[in-house]
PDB file of N, CA and C in Angstrom:
ATOM      1  N   MET A   1       0.819  -1.188   0.000  1.00  0.00           N
ATOM      2  CA  MET A   1       0.000   0.000   0.000  1.00  0.00           C
ATOM      3  C   MET A   1       0.865   1.256   0.000  1.00  0.00           C
ATOM      4  N   LEU A   2       1.840   1.297   0.888  1.00  0.00           N
ATOM      5  CA  LEU A   2       2.671   2.488   1.012  1.00  0.00           C
ATOM      6  C   LEU A   2       3.425   2.770  -0.287  1.00  0.00           C
ATOM      7  N   ARG A   3       4.023   1.760  -0.854  1.00  0.00           N
ATOM      8  CA  ARG A   3       4.772   1.966  -2.102  1.00  0.00           C
ATOM      9  C   ARG A   3       3.842   2.465  -3.219  1.00  0.00           C
ATOM     10  N   GLY A   4       2.638   1.938  -3.297  1.00  0.00           N
ATOM     11  CA  GLY A   4       1.689   2.386  -4.315  1.00  0.00           C
ATOM     12  C   GLY A   4       1.358   3.857  -4.175  1.00  0.00           C
ATOM     13  N   VAL A   5       1.096   4.298  -2.943  1.00  0.00           N
ATOM     14  CA  VAL A   5       0.793   5.725  -2.715  1.00  0.00           C
ATOM     15  C   VAL A   5       2.018   6.575  -3.018  1.00  0.00           C
ATOM     16  N   LEU A   6       3.190   6.170  -2.533  1.00  0.00           N
ATOM     17  CA  LEU A   6       4.396   6.967  -2.770  1.00  0.00           C
ATOM     18  C   LEU A   6       4.807   6.970  -4.235  1.00  0.00           C
ATOM     19  N   ASP A   7       4.548   5.884  -4.951  1.00  0.00           N
ATOM     20  CA  ASP A   7       4.834   5.890  -6.397  1.00  0.00           C
ATOM     21  C   ASP A   7       3.958   6.916  -7.117  1.00  0.00           C
ATOM     22  N   ARG A   8       2.675   6.991  -6.743  1.00  0.00           N
ATOM     23  CA  ARG A   8       1.784   7.992  -7.359  1.00  0.00           C
ATOM     24  C   ARG A   8       2.188   9.411  -6.963  1.00  0.00           C
ATOM     25  N   TRP A   9       2.598   9.582  -5.697  1.00  0.00           N
ATOM     26  CA  TRP A   9       3.077  10.883  -5.227  1.00  0.00           C
ATOM     27  C   TRP A   9       4.322  11.298  -6.016  1.00  0.00           C
ATOM     28  N   LYS A  10       5.274  10.400  -6.165  1.00  0.00           N
ATOM     29  CA  LYS A  10       6.496  10.685  -6.918  1.00  0.00           C
ATOM     30  C   LYS A  10       6.171  11.080  -8.353  1.00  0.00           C
ATOM     31  N   ALA A  11       5.268  10.344  -8.996  1.00  0.00           N
ATOM     32  CA  ALA A  11       4.897  10.655 -10.381  1.00  0.00           C
ATOM     33  C   ALA A  11       4.297  12.056 -10.483  1.00  0.00           C
ATOM     34  N   ALA A  12       3.459  12.433  -9.519  1.00  0.00           N
ATOM     35  CA  ALA A  12       2.855  13.768  -9.543  1.00  0.00           C
ATOM     36  C   ALA A  12       3.897  14.858  -9.298  1.00  0.00           C
ATOM     37  N   VAL A  13       4.821  14.624  -8.360  1.00  0.00           N
ATOM     38  CA  VAL A  13       5.886  15.592  -8.086  1.00  0.00           C
ATOM     39  C   VAL A  13       6.781  15.737  -9.316  1.00  0.00           C
ATOM     40  N   ASP A  14       7.217  14.614  -9.879  1.00  0.00           N
ATOM     41  CA  ASP A  14       8.128  14.639 -11.027  1.00  0.00           C
ATOM     42  C   ASP A  14       7.504  15.330 -12.237  1.00  0.00           C
ATOM     43  N   ALA A  15       6.189  15.200 -12.413  1.00  0.00           N
ATOM     44  CA  ALA A  15       5.493  15.799 -13.555  1.00  0.00           C
ATOM     45  C   ALA A  15       5.025  17.225 -13.259  1.00  0.00           C
ATOM     46  N   HIS A  16       5.322  17.735 -12.075  1.00  0.00           N
ATOM     47  CA  HIS A  16       4.865  19.057 -11.619  1.00  0.00           C
ATOM     48  C   HIS A  16       3.356  19.181 -11.803  1.00  0.00           C
ATOM     49  N   ARG A  17       2.637  18.246 -11.182  1.00  0.00           N
ATOM     50  CA  ARG A  17       1.165  18.205 -11.199  1.00  0.00           C
ATOM     51  C   ARG A  17       0.649  18.406  -9.774  1.00  0.00           C
ATOM     52  N   PRO A  18       0.603  19.652  -9.295  1.00  0.00           N
ATOM     53  CA  PRO A  18       0.242  19.901  -7.898  1.00  0.00           C
ATOM     54  C   PRO A  18      -1.147  19.409  -7.509  1.00  0.00           C
ATOM     55  N   GLU A  19      -2.121  19.533  -8.385  1.00  0.00           N
ATOM     56  CA  GLU A  19      -3.479  19.072  -8.061  1.00  0.00           C
ATOM     57  C   GLU A  19      -3.514  17.544  -7.950  1.00  0.00           C
ATOM     58  N   ARG A  20      -2.769  16.877  -8.812  1.00  0.00           N
ATOM     59  CA  ARG A  20      -2.704  15.412  -8.749  1.00  0.00           C
ATOM     60  C   ARG A  20      -2.015  14.972  -7.461  1.00  0.00           C
ATOM     61  N   ALA A  21      -0.948  15.679  -7.073  1.00  0.00           N
ATOM     62  CA  ALA A  21      -0.275  15.351  -5.812  1.00  0.00           C
ATOM     63  C   ALA A  21      -1.227  15.558  -4.643  1.00  0.00           C
ATOM     64  N   ALA A  22      -1.927  16.675  -4.613  1.00  0.00           N
ATOM     65  CA  ALA A  22      -2.838  16.983  -3.507  1.00  0.00           C
ATOM     66  C   ALA A  22      -3.971  15.966  -3.410  1.00  0.00           C
ATOM     67  N   ALA A  23      -4.403  15.420  -4.531  1.00  0.00           N
ATOM     68  CA  ALA A  23      -5.495  14.442  -4.536  1.00  0.00           C
ATOM     69  C   ALA A  23      -5.103  13.137  -3.850  1.00  0.00           C
ATOM     70  N   LEU A  24      -3.814  12.924  -3.615  1.00  0.00           N
ATOM     71  CA  LEU A  24      -3.345  11.719  -2.933  1.00  0.00           C
ATOM     72  C   LEU A  24      -3.449  11.833  -1.417  1.00  0.00           C
ATOM     73  N   PHE A  25      -3.849  13.009  -0.936  1.00  0.00           N
ATOM     74  CA  PHE A  25      -3.955  13.282   0.490  1.00  0.00           C
ATOM     75  C   PHE A  25      -5.422  13.299   0.898  1.00  0.00           C
ATOM     76  N   THR A  26      -5.669  13.026   2.186  1.00  0.00           N
ATOM     77  CA  THR A  26      -7.029  13.145   2.696  1.00  0.00           C
ATOM     78  C   THR A  26      -7.439  14.615   2.662  1.00  0.00           C
ATOM     79  N   GLU A  27      -8.733  14.862   2.712  1.00  0.00           N
ATOM     80  CA  GLU A  27      -9.254  16.238   2.696  1.00  0.00           C
ATOM     81  C   GLU A  27      -8.691  17.068   3.844  1.00  0.00           C
ATOM     82  N   ASP A  28      -8.429  16.424   4.993  1.00  0.00           N
ATOM     83  CA  ASP A  28      -7.967  17.139   6.182  1.00  0.00           C
ATOM     84  C   ASP A  28      -6.517  16.805   6.538  1.00  0.00           C
ATOM     85  N   ALA A  29      -5.727  16.412   5.556  1.00  0.00           N
ATOM     86  CA  ALA A  29      -4.340  16.007   5.808  1.00  0.00           C
ATOM     87  C   ALA A  29      -3.530  17.142   6.432  1.00  0.00           C
ATOM     88  N   VAL A  30      -2.695  16.767   7.402  1.00  0.00           N
ATOM     89  CA  VAL A  30      -1.716  17.688   7.964  1.00  0.00           C
ATOM     90  C   VAL A  30      -0.449  17.523   7.130  1.00  0.00           C
ATOM     91  N   PHE A  31       0.040  18.632   6.574  1.00  0.00           N
ATOM     92  CA  PHE A  31       1.159  18.594   5.644  1.00  0.00           C
ATOM     93  C   PHE A  31       2.256  19.515   6.153  1.00  0.00           C
ATOM     94  N   GLN A  32       3.435  18.956   6.407  1.00  0.00           N
ATOM     95  CA  GLN A  32       4.595  19.735   6.831  1.00  0.00           C
ATOM     96  C   GLN A  32       5.736  19.457   5.881  1.00  0.00           C
ATOM     97  N   GLY A  33       5.908  20.356   4.901  1.00  0.00           N
ATOM     98  CA  GLY A  33       7.059  20.285   4.014  1.00  0.00           C
ATOM     99  C   GLY A  33       8.223  20.995   4.693  1.00  0.00           C
ATOM    100  N   LEU A  34       9.028  21.702   3.928  1.00  0.00           N
ATOM    101  CA  LEU A  34      10.146  22.448   4.510  1.00  0.00           C
ATOM    102  C   LEU A  34       9.767  23.888   4.826  1.00  0.00           C
ATOM    103  N   ARG A  35       8.491  24.203   4.712  1.00  0.00           N
ATOM    104  CA  ARG A  35       7.966  25.525   5.074  1.00  0.00           C
ATOM    105  C   ARG A  35       6.832  25.324   6.063  1.00  0.00           C
ATOM    106  N   PRO A  36       6.257  26.391   6.563  1.00  0.00           N
ATOM    107  CA  PRO A  36       5.150  26.231   7.529  1.00  0.00           C
ATOM    108  C   PRO A  36       4.081  25.268   7.021  1.00  0.00           C
ATOM    109  N   TYR A  37       3.472  24.594   7.971  1.00  0.00           N
ATOM    110  CA  TYR A  37       2.542  23.529   7.645  1.00  0.00           C
ATOM    111  C   TYR A  37       1.218  24.067   7.110  1.00  0.00           C
ATOM    112  N   SER A  38       0.445  23.181   6.502  1.00  0.00           N
ATOM    113  CA  SER A  38      -0.914  23.494   6.082  1.00  0.00           C
ATOM    114  C   SER A  38      -1.792  22.289   6.385  1.00  0.00           C
ATOM    115  N   VAL A  39      -3.079  22.518   6.320  1.00  0.00           N
ATOM    116  CA  VAL A  39      -4.049  21.449   6.530  1.00  0.00           C
ATOM    117  C   VAL A  39      -4.990  21.451   5.337  1.00  0.00           C
ATOM    118  N   GLY A  40      -5.121  20.313   4.686  1.00  0.00           N
ATOM    119  CA  GLY A  40      -6.048  20.170   3.574  1.00  0.00           C
ATOM    120  C   GLY A  40      -5.401  20.290   2.202  1.00  0.00           C
ATOM    121  N   ARG A  41      -6.140  19.833   1.210  1.00  0.00           N
ATOM    122  CA  ARG A  41      -5.625  19.757  -0.156  1.00  0.00           C
ATOM    123  C   ARG A  41      -5.268  21.094  -0.790  1.00  0.00           C
ATOM    124  N   PRO A  42      -6.030  22.183  -0.557  1.00  0.00           N
ATOM    125  CA  PRO A  42      -5.639  23.446  -1.195  1.00  0.00           C
ATOM    126  C   PRO A  42      -4.226  23.900  -0.812  1.00  0.00           C
ATOM    127  N   GLY A  43      -3.865  23.790   0.463  1.00  0.00           N
ATOM    128  CA  GLY A  43      -2.521  24.167   0.887  1.00  0.00           C
ATOM    129  C   GLY A  43      -1.456  23.252   0.322  1.00  0.00           C
ATOM    130  N   ILE A  44      -1.779  21.983   0.198  1.00  0.00           N
ATOM    131  CA  ILE A  44      -0.836  21.015  -0.369  1.00  0.00           C
ATOM    132  C   ILE A  44      -0.606  21.318  -1.848  1.00  0.00           C
ATOM    133  N   ALA A  45      -1.685  21.581  -2.579  1.00  0.00           N
ATOM    134  CA  ALA A  45      -1.552  21.921  -4.001  1.00  0.00           C
ATOM    135  C   ALA A  45      -0.726  23.192  -4.169  1.00  0.00           C
ATOM    136  N   ALA A  46      -0.953  24.188  -3.324  1.00  0.00           N
ATOM    137  CA  ALA A  46      -0.184  25.436  -3.407  1.00  0.00           C
ATOM    138  C   ALA A  46       1.294  25.184  -3.132  1.00  0.00           C
ATOM    139  N   TYR A  47       1.590  24.324  -2.165  1.00  0.00           N
ATOM    140  CA  TYR A  47       2.982  23.993  -1.850  1.00  0.00           C
ATOM    141  C   TYR A  47       3.671  23.381  -3.073  1.00  0.00           C
ATOM    142  N   TYR A  48       3.039  22.372  -3.670  1.00  0.00           N
ATOM    143  CA  TYR A  48       3.668  21.718  -4.822  1.00  0.00           C
ATOM    144  C   TYR A  48       3.684  22.617  -6.046  1.00  0.00           C
ATOM    145  N   ASP A  49       2.718  23.497  -6.188  1.00  0.00           N
ATOM    146  CA  ASP A  49       2.717  24.441  -7.307  1.00  0.00           C
ATOM    147  C   ASP A  49       3.891  25.408  -7.197  1.00  0.00           C
ATOM    148  N   SER A  50       4.316  25.714  -5.971  1.00  0.00           N
ATOM    149  CA  SER A  50       5.426  26.650  -5.766  1.00  0.00           C
ATOM    150  C   SER A  50       6.792  26.016  -6.005  1.00  0.00           C
ATOM    151  N   GLN A  51       6.837  24.708  -6.181  1.00  0.00           N
ATOM    152  CA  GLN A  51       8.112  24.025  -6.417  1.00  0.00           C
ATOM    153  C   GLN A  51       8.589  24.288  -7.846  1.00  0.00           C
ATOM    154  N   PRO A  52       9.890  24.358  -8.051  1.00  0.00           N
ATOM    155  CA  PRO A  52      10.402  24.669  -9.387  1.00  0.00           C
ATOM    156  C   PRO A  52      10.172  23.536 -10.391  1.00  0.00           C
ATOM    157  N   ALA A  53       9.972  23.925 -11.627  1.00  0.00           N
ATOM    158  CA  ALA A  53       9.873  22.934 -12.710  1.00  0.00           C
ATOM    159  C   ALA A  53      11.168  22.132 -12.731  1.00  0.00           C
ATOM    160  N   GLY A  54      11.050  20.855 -13.001  1.00  0.00           N
ATOM    161  CA  GLY A  54      12.223  19.988 -13.056  1.00  0.00           C
ATOM    162  C   GLY A  54      12.546  19.298 -11.739  1.00  0.00           C
ATOM    163  N   LEU A  55      11.838  19.658 -10.656  1.00  0.00           N
ATOM    164  CA  LEU A  55      12.040  18.985  -9.377  1.00  0.00           C
ATOM    165  C   LEU A  55      11.617  17.524  -9.511  1.00  0.00           C
ATOM    166  N   THR A  56      12.443  16.627  -9.004  1.00  0.00           N
ATOM    167  CA  THR A  56      12.102  15.202  -8.991  1.00  0.00           C
ATOM    168  C   THR A  56      12.380  14.641  -7.599  1.00  0.00           C
ATOM    169  N   ALA A  57      11.730  13.533  -7.296  1.00  0.00           N
ATOM    170  CA  ALA A  57      11.884  12.892  -5.990  1.00  0.00           C
ATOM    171  C   ALA A  57      12.252  11.424  -6.180  1.00  0.00           C
ATOM    172  N   GLU A  58      13.218  10.981  -5.417  1.00  0.00           N
ATOM    173  CA  GLU A  58      13.580   9.563  -5.344  1.00  0.00           C
ATOM    174  C   GLU A  58      13.461   9.157  -3.880  1.00  0.00           C
ATOM    175  N   TYR A  59      12.682   8.126  -3.613  1.00  0.00           N
ATOM    176  CA  TYR A  59      12.484   7.738  -2.220  1.00  0.00           C
ATOM    177  C   TYR A  59      12.919   6.298  -1.977  1.00  0.00           C
ATOM    178  N   ARG A  60      13.221   6.034  -0.704  1.00  0.00           N
ATOM    179  CA  ARG A  60      13.561   4.703  -0.215  1.00  0.00           C
ATOM    180  C   ARG A  60      12.769   4.487   1.069  1.00  0.00           C
ATOM    181  N   ILE A  61      11.953   3.469   1.105  1.00  0.00           N
ATOM    182  CA  ILE A  61      11.224   3.168   2.331  1.00  0.00           C
ATOM    183  C   ILE A  61      12.199   2.551   3.324  1.00  0.00           C
ATOM    184  N   LEU A  62      12.259   3.139   4.511  1.00  0.00           N
ATOM    185  CA  LEU A  62      13.177   2.680   5.546  1.00  0.00           C
ATOM    186  C   LEU A  62      12.478   1.828   6.602  1.00  0.00           C
ATOM    187  N   GLU A  63      11.251   2.183   6.957  1.00  0.00           N
ATOM    188  CA  GLU A  63      10.501   1.457   7.982  1.00  0.00           C
ATOM    189  C   GLU A  63       9.011   1.581   7.702  1.00  0.00           C
ATOM    190  N   THR A  64       8.263   0.575   8.100  1.00  0.00           N
ATOM    191  CA  THR A  64       6.803   0.641   8.064  1.00  0.00           C
ATOM    192  C   THR A  64       6.253  -0.011   9.325  1.00  0.00           C
ATOM    193  N   ARG A  65       5.104   0.477   9.723  1.00  0.00           N
ATOM    194  CA  ARG A  65       4.374  -0.089  10.851  1.00  0.00           C
ATOM    195  C   ARG A  65       2.889  -0.028  10.528  1.00  0.00           C
ATOM    196  N   ARG A  66       2.118  -0.904  11.136  1.00  0.00           N
ATOM    197  CA  ARG A  66       0.655  -0.906  11.018  1.00  0.00           C
ATOM    198  C   ARG A  66       0.073  -0.670  12.406  1.00  0.00           C
ATOM    199  N   PRO A  67      -0.125   0.602  12.775  1.00  0.00           N
ATOM    200  CA  PRO A  67      -0.632   0.873  14.123  1.00  0.00           C
ATOM    201  C   PRO A  67      -2.083   0.446  14.347  1.00  0.00           C
ATOM    202  N   ALA A  68      -2.847   0.290  13.263  1.00  0.00           N
ATOM    203  CA  ALA A  68      -4.249  -0.135  13.380  1.00  0.00           C
ATOM    204  C   ALA A  68      -4.726  -0.577  11.999  1.00  0.00           C
ATOM    205  N   ASP A  69      -5.872  -1.255  11.967  1.00  0.00           N
ATOM    206  CA  ASP A  69      -6.451  -1.635  10.676  1.00  0.00           C
ATOM    207  C   ASP A  69      -6.689  -0.381   9.842  1.00  0.00           C
ATOM    208  N   GLY A  70      -6.306  -0.445   8.584  1.00  0.00           N
ATOM    209  CA  GLY A  70      -6.532   0.668   7.675  1.00  0.00           C
ATOM    210  C   GLY A  70      -5.557   1.814   7.821  1.00  0.00           C
ATOM    211  N   LEU A  71      -4.472   1.625   8.588  1.00  0.00           N
ATOM    212  CA  LEU A  71      -3.438   2.656   8.757  1.00  0.00           C
ATOM    213  C   LEU A  71      -2.063   2.049   8.543  1.00  0.00           C
ATOM    214  N   VAL A  72      -1.217   2.766   7.829  1.00  0.00           N
ATOM    215  CA  VAL A  72       0.172   2.362   7.664  1.00  0.00           C
ATOM    216  C   VAL A  72       1.037   3.585   7.932  1.00  0.00           C
ATOM    217  N   LEU A  73       1.988   3.419   8.829  1.00  0.00           N
ATOM    218  CA  LEU A  73       2.952   4.460   9.142  1.00  0.00           C
ATOM    219  C   LEU A  73       4.214   4.154   8.355  1.00  0.00           C
ATOM    220  N   GLY A  74       4.699   5.127   7.629  1.00  0.00           N
ATOM    221  CA  GLY A  74       5.897   4.912   6.833  1.00  0.00           C
ATOM    222  C   GLY A  74       6.953   5.948   7.122  1.00  0.00           C
ATOM    223  N   TYR A  75       8.198   5.524   7.025  1.00  0.00           N
ATOM    224  CA  TYR A  75       9.348   6.394   7.214  1.00  0.00           C
ATOM    225  C   TYR A  75      10.267   6.144   6.022  1.00  0.00           C
ATOM    226  N   ALA A  76      10.633   7.221   5.330  1.00  0.00           N
ATOM    227  CA  ALA A  76      11.408   7.077   4.098  1.00  0.00           C
ATOM    228  C   ALA A  76      12.514   8.111   4.029  1.00  0.00           C
ATOM    229  N   GLY A  77      13.526   7.794   3.256  1.00  0.00           N
ATOM    230  CA  GLY A  77      14.532   8.763   2.859  1.00  0.00           C
ATOM    231  C   GLY A  77      14.163   9.256   1.477  1.00  0.00           C
ATOM    232  N   VAL A  78      14.223  10.572   1.264  1.00  0.00           N
ATOM    233  CA  VAL A  78      13.860  11.141  -0.031  1.00  0.00           C
ATOM    234  C   VAL A  78      14.943  12.108  -0.465  1.00  0.00           C
ATOM    235  N   ASP A  79      15.339  11.998  -1.733  1.00  0.00           N
ATOM    236  CA  ASP A  79      16.233  12.967  -2.360  1.00  0.00           C
ATOM    237  C   ASP A  79      15.420  13.765  -3.361  1.00  0.00           C
ATOM    238  N   PHE A  80      15.312  15.080  -3.114  1.00  0.00           N
ATOM    239  CA  PHE A  80      14.663  15.980  -4.064  1.00  0.00           C
ATOM    240  C   PHE A  80      15.757  16.593  -4.926  1.00  0.00           C
ATOM    241  N   SER A  81      15.694  16.351  -6.232  1.00  0.00           N
ATOM    242  CA  SER A  81      16.705  16.855  -7.154  1.00  0.00           C
ATOM    243  C   SER A  81      16.147  18.030  -7.949  1.00  0.00           C
ATOM    244  N   PHE A  82      17.033  18.961  -8.258  1.00  0.00           N
ATOM    245  CA  PHE A  82      16.690  20.179  -8.987  1.00  0.00           C
ATOM    246  C   PHE A  82      17.545  20.273 -10.239  1.00  0.00           C
ATOM    247  N   THR A  83      17.140  21.098 -11.170  1.00  0.00           N
ATOM    248  CA  THR A  83      17.920  21.267 -12.395  1.00  0.00           C
ATOM    249  C   THR A  83      19.055  22.268 -12.217  1.00  0.00           C
ATOM    250  N   ASP A  84      18.977  23.115 -11.177  1.00  0.00           N
ATOM    251  CA  ASP A  84      19.921  24.223 -11.059  1.00  0.00           C
ATOM    252  C   ASP A  84      20.650  24.308  -9.723  1.00  0.00           C
ATOM    253  N   ARG A  85      20.528  23.300  -8.869  1.00  0.00           N
ATOM    254  CA  ARG A  85      21.179  23.334  -7.560  1.00  0.00           C
ATOM    255  C   ARG A  85      21.311  21.910  -7.015  1.00  0.00           C
ATOM    256  N   PRO A  86      22.095  21.769  -5.965  1.00  0.00           N
ATOM    257  CA  PRO A  86      22.281  20.421  -5.397  1.00  0.00           C
ATOM    258  C   PRO A  86      20.975  19.840  -4.855  1.00  0.00           C
ATOM    259  N   ALA A  87      20.932  18.540  -4.815  1.00  0.00           N
ATOM    260  CA  ALA A  87      19.763  17.838  -4.279  1.00  0.00           C
ATOM    261  C   ALA A  87      19.614  18.125  -2.786  1.00  0.00           C
ATOM    262  N   VAL A  88      18.387  17.994  -2.316  1.00  0.00           N
ATOM    263  CA  VAL A  88      18.077  18.126  -0.895  1.00  0.00           C
ATOM    264  C   VAL A  88      17.663  16.749  -0.392  1.00  0.00           C
ATOM    265  N   ARG A  89      18.344  16.295   0.636  1.00  0.00           N
ATOM    266  CA  ARG A  89      18.050  14.977   1.226  1.00  0.00           C
ATOM    267  C   ARG A  89      17.238  15.192   2.497  1.00  0.00           C
ATOM    268  N   VAL A  90      16.127  14.461   2.599  1.00  0.00           N
ATOM    269  CA  VAL A  90      15.239  14.609   3.753  1.00  0.00           C
ATOM    270  C   VAL A  90      14.788  13.244   4.248  1.00  0.00           C
ATOM    271  N   HIS A  91      14.222  13.252   5.441  1.00  0.00           N
ATOM    272  CA  HIS A  91      13.472  12.103   5.949  1.00  0.00           C
ATOM    273  C   HIS A  91      12.011  12.467   5.857  1.00  0.00           C
ATOM    274  N   LEU A  92      11.185  11.503   5.507  1.00  0.00           N
ATOM    275  CA  LEU A  92       9.752  11.721   5.337  1.00  0.00           C
ATOM    276  C   LEU A  92       8.990  10.716   6.183  1.00  0.00           C
ATOM    277  N   GLY A  93       8.119  11.236   7.015  1.00  0.00           N
ATOM    278  CA  GLY A  93       7.207  10.391   7.769  1.00  0.00           C
ATOM    279  C   GLY A  93       5.805  10.595   7.227  1.00  0.00           C
ATOM    280  N   VAL A  94       5.108   9.509   6.935  1.00  0.00           N
ATOM    281  CA  VAL A  94       3.738   9.601   6.437  1.00  0.00           C
ATOM    282  C   VAL A  94       2.846   8.615   7.181  1.00  0.00           C
ATOM    283  N   LEU A  95       1.611   9.022   7.338  1.00  0.00           N
ATOM    284  CA  LEU A  95       0.583   8.126   7.840  1.00  0.00           C
ATOM    285  C   LEU A  95      -0.423   7.978   6.706  1.00  0.00           C
ATOM    286  N   VAL A  96      -0.555   6.766   6.212  1.00  0.00           N
ATOM    287  CA  VAL A  96      -1.434   6.482   5.081  1.00  0.00           C
ATOM    288  C   VAL A  96      -2.661   5.757   5.611  1.00  0.00           C
ATOM    289  N   LYS A  97      -3.838   6.215   5.170  1.00  0.00           N
ATOM    290  CA  LYS A  97      -5.063   5.587   5.679  1.00  0.00           C
ATOM    291  C   LYS A  97      -5.961   5.155   4.530  1.00  0.00           C
ATOM    292  N   ARG A  98      -6.650   4.065   4.786  1.00  0.00           N
ATOM    293  CA  ARG A  98      -7.567   3.520   3.793  1.00  0.00           C
ATOM    294  C   ARG A  98      -8.908   4.237   3.916  1.00  0.00           C
ATOM    295  N   LEU A  99      -9.380   4.742   2.787  1.00  0.00           N
ATOM    296  CA  LEU A  99     -10.701   5.355   2.691  1.00  0.00           C
ATOM    297  C   LEU A  99     -11.408   4.701   1.518  1.00  0.00           C
ATOM    298  N   GLY A 100     -12.420   3.914   1.790  1.00  0.00           N
ATOM    299  CA  GLY A 100     -13.083   3.173   0.721  1.00  0.00           C
ATOM    300  C   GLY A 100     -12.145   2.137   0.169  1.00  0.00           C
ATOM    301  N   GLU A 101     -11.952   2.165  -1.133  1.00  0.00           N
ATOM    302  CA  GLU A 101     -11.103   1.179  -1.802  1.00  0.00           C
ATOM    303  C   GLU A 101      -9.672   1.659  -2.027  1.00  0.00           C
ATOM    304  N   ASP A 102      -9.345   2.889  -1.615  1.00  0.00           N
ATOM    305  CA  ASP A 102      -8.022   3.419  -1.910  1.00  0.00           C
ATOM    306  C   ASP A 102      -7.336   3.903  -0.634  1.00  0.00           C
ATOM    307  N   TRP A 103      -6.081   4.257  -0.772  1.00  0.00           N
ATOM    308  CA  TRP A 103      -5.253   4.719   0.333  1.00  0.00           C
ATOM    309  C   TRP A 103      -4.831   6.154   0.077  1.00  0.00           C
ATOM    310  N   TYR A 104      -4.830   6.967   1.151  1.00  0.00           N
ATOM    311  CA  TYR A 104      -4.500   8.388   1.057  1.00  0.00           C
ATOM    312  C   TYR A 104      -3.547   8.768   2.191  1.00  0.00           C
ATOM    313  N   ILE A 105      -2.778   9.811   1.963  1.00  0.00           N
ATOM    314  CA  ILE A 105      -1.858  10.316   2.974  1.00  0.00           C
ATOM    315  C   ILE A 105      -2.641  11.249   3.900  1.00  0.00           C
ATOM    316  N   GLY A 106      -2.654  10.933   5.182  1.00  0.00           N
ATOM    317  CA  GLY A 106      -3.350  11.758   6.163  1.00  0.00           C
ATOM    318  C   GLY A 106      -2.409  12.665   6.939  1.00  0.00           C
ATOM    319  N   HIS A 107      -1.137  12.307   6.963  1.00  0.00           N
ATOM    320  CA  HIS A 107      -0.123  13.109   7.650  1.00  0.00           C
ATOM    321  C   HIS A 107       1.186  12.955   6.903  1.00  0.00           C
ATOM    322  N   TYR A 108       1.875  14.077   6.683  1.00  0.00           N
ATOM    323  CA  TYR A 108       3.118  14.121   5.903  1.00  0.00           C
ATOM    324  C   TYR A 108       4.057  15.077   6.616  1.00  0.00           C
ATOM    325  N   GLN A 109       5.220  14.595   7.009  1.00  0.00           N
ATOM    326  CA  GLN A 109       6.182  15.477   7.675  1.00  0.00           C
ATOM    327  C   GLN A 109       7.590  15.200   7.178  1.00  0.00           C
ATOM    328  N   VAL A 110       8.228  16.266   6.737  1.00  0.00           N
ATOM    329  CA  VAL A 110       9.594  16.207   6.214  1.00  0.00           C
ATOM    330  C   VAL A 110      10.537  16.839   7.219  1.00  0.00           C
ATOM    331  N   SER A 111      11.715  16.261   7.362  1.00  0.00           N
ATOM    332  CA  SER A 111      12.788  16.884   8.137  1.00  0.00           C
ATOM    333  C   SER A 111      14.093  16.705   7.365  1.00  0.00           C
ATOM    334  N   ARG A 112      14.891  17.753   7.398  1.00  0.00           N
ATOM    335  CA  ARG A 112      16.193  17.682   6.721  1.00  0.00           C
ATOM    336  C   ARG A 112      17.109  16.710   7.430  1.00  0.00           C
ATOM    337  N   THR A 113      17.965  16.068   6.656  1.00  0.00           N
ATOM    338  CA  THR A 113      18.990  15.212   7.241  1.00  0.00           C
ATOM    339  C   THR A 113      20.270  16.034   7.305  1.00  0.00           C
ATOM    340  N   GLY A 114      21.035  15.830   8.326  1.00  0.00           N
ATOM    341  CA  GLY A 114      22.316  16.498   8.495  1.00  0.00           C
ATOM    342  C   GLY A 114      22.408  17.887   8.125  1.00  0.00           C
TER     343      GLY A 114
END
């Protein structure tokens, strides 16, 4: 489940499709990128829309847990690459929840490494 959601997230980030990225989150998702946090899809779409063209993400799942039915906690390493500057390496924590037949990100938190 986690890899499927993160693969769709990566595809949306790589294609600079902010609305598609935001649609992968719950309506009330708490989102903490490298700037002040937001709650809900409009803030998430605005965050990804503000990212530069050519930004890509490569992730590695480091840990997963299932705290309850329909929830998956994931911890990943992510390298965000740019066309005009060095990559940014971060850790990403996500809580993915099942809603109906699909899975959505309900909580997203990034922290810089080193």
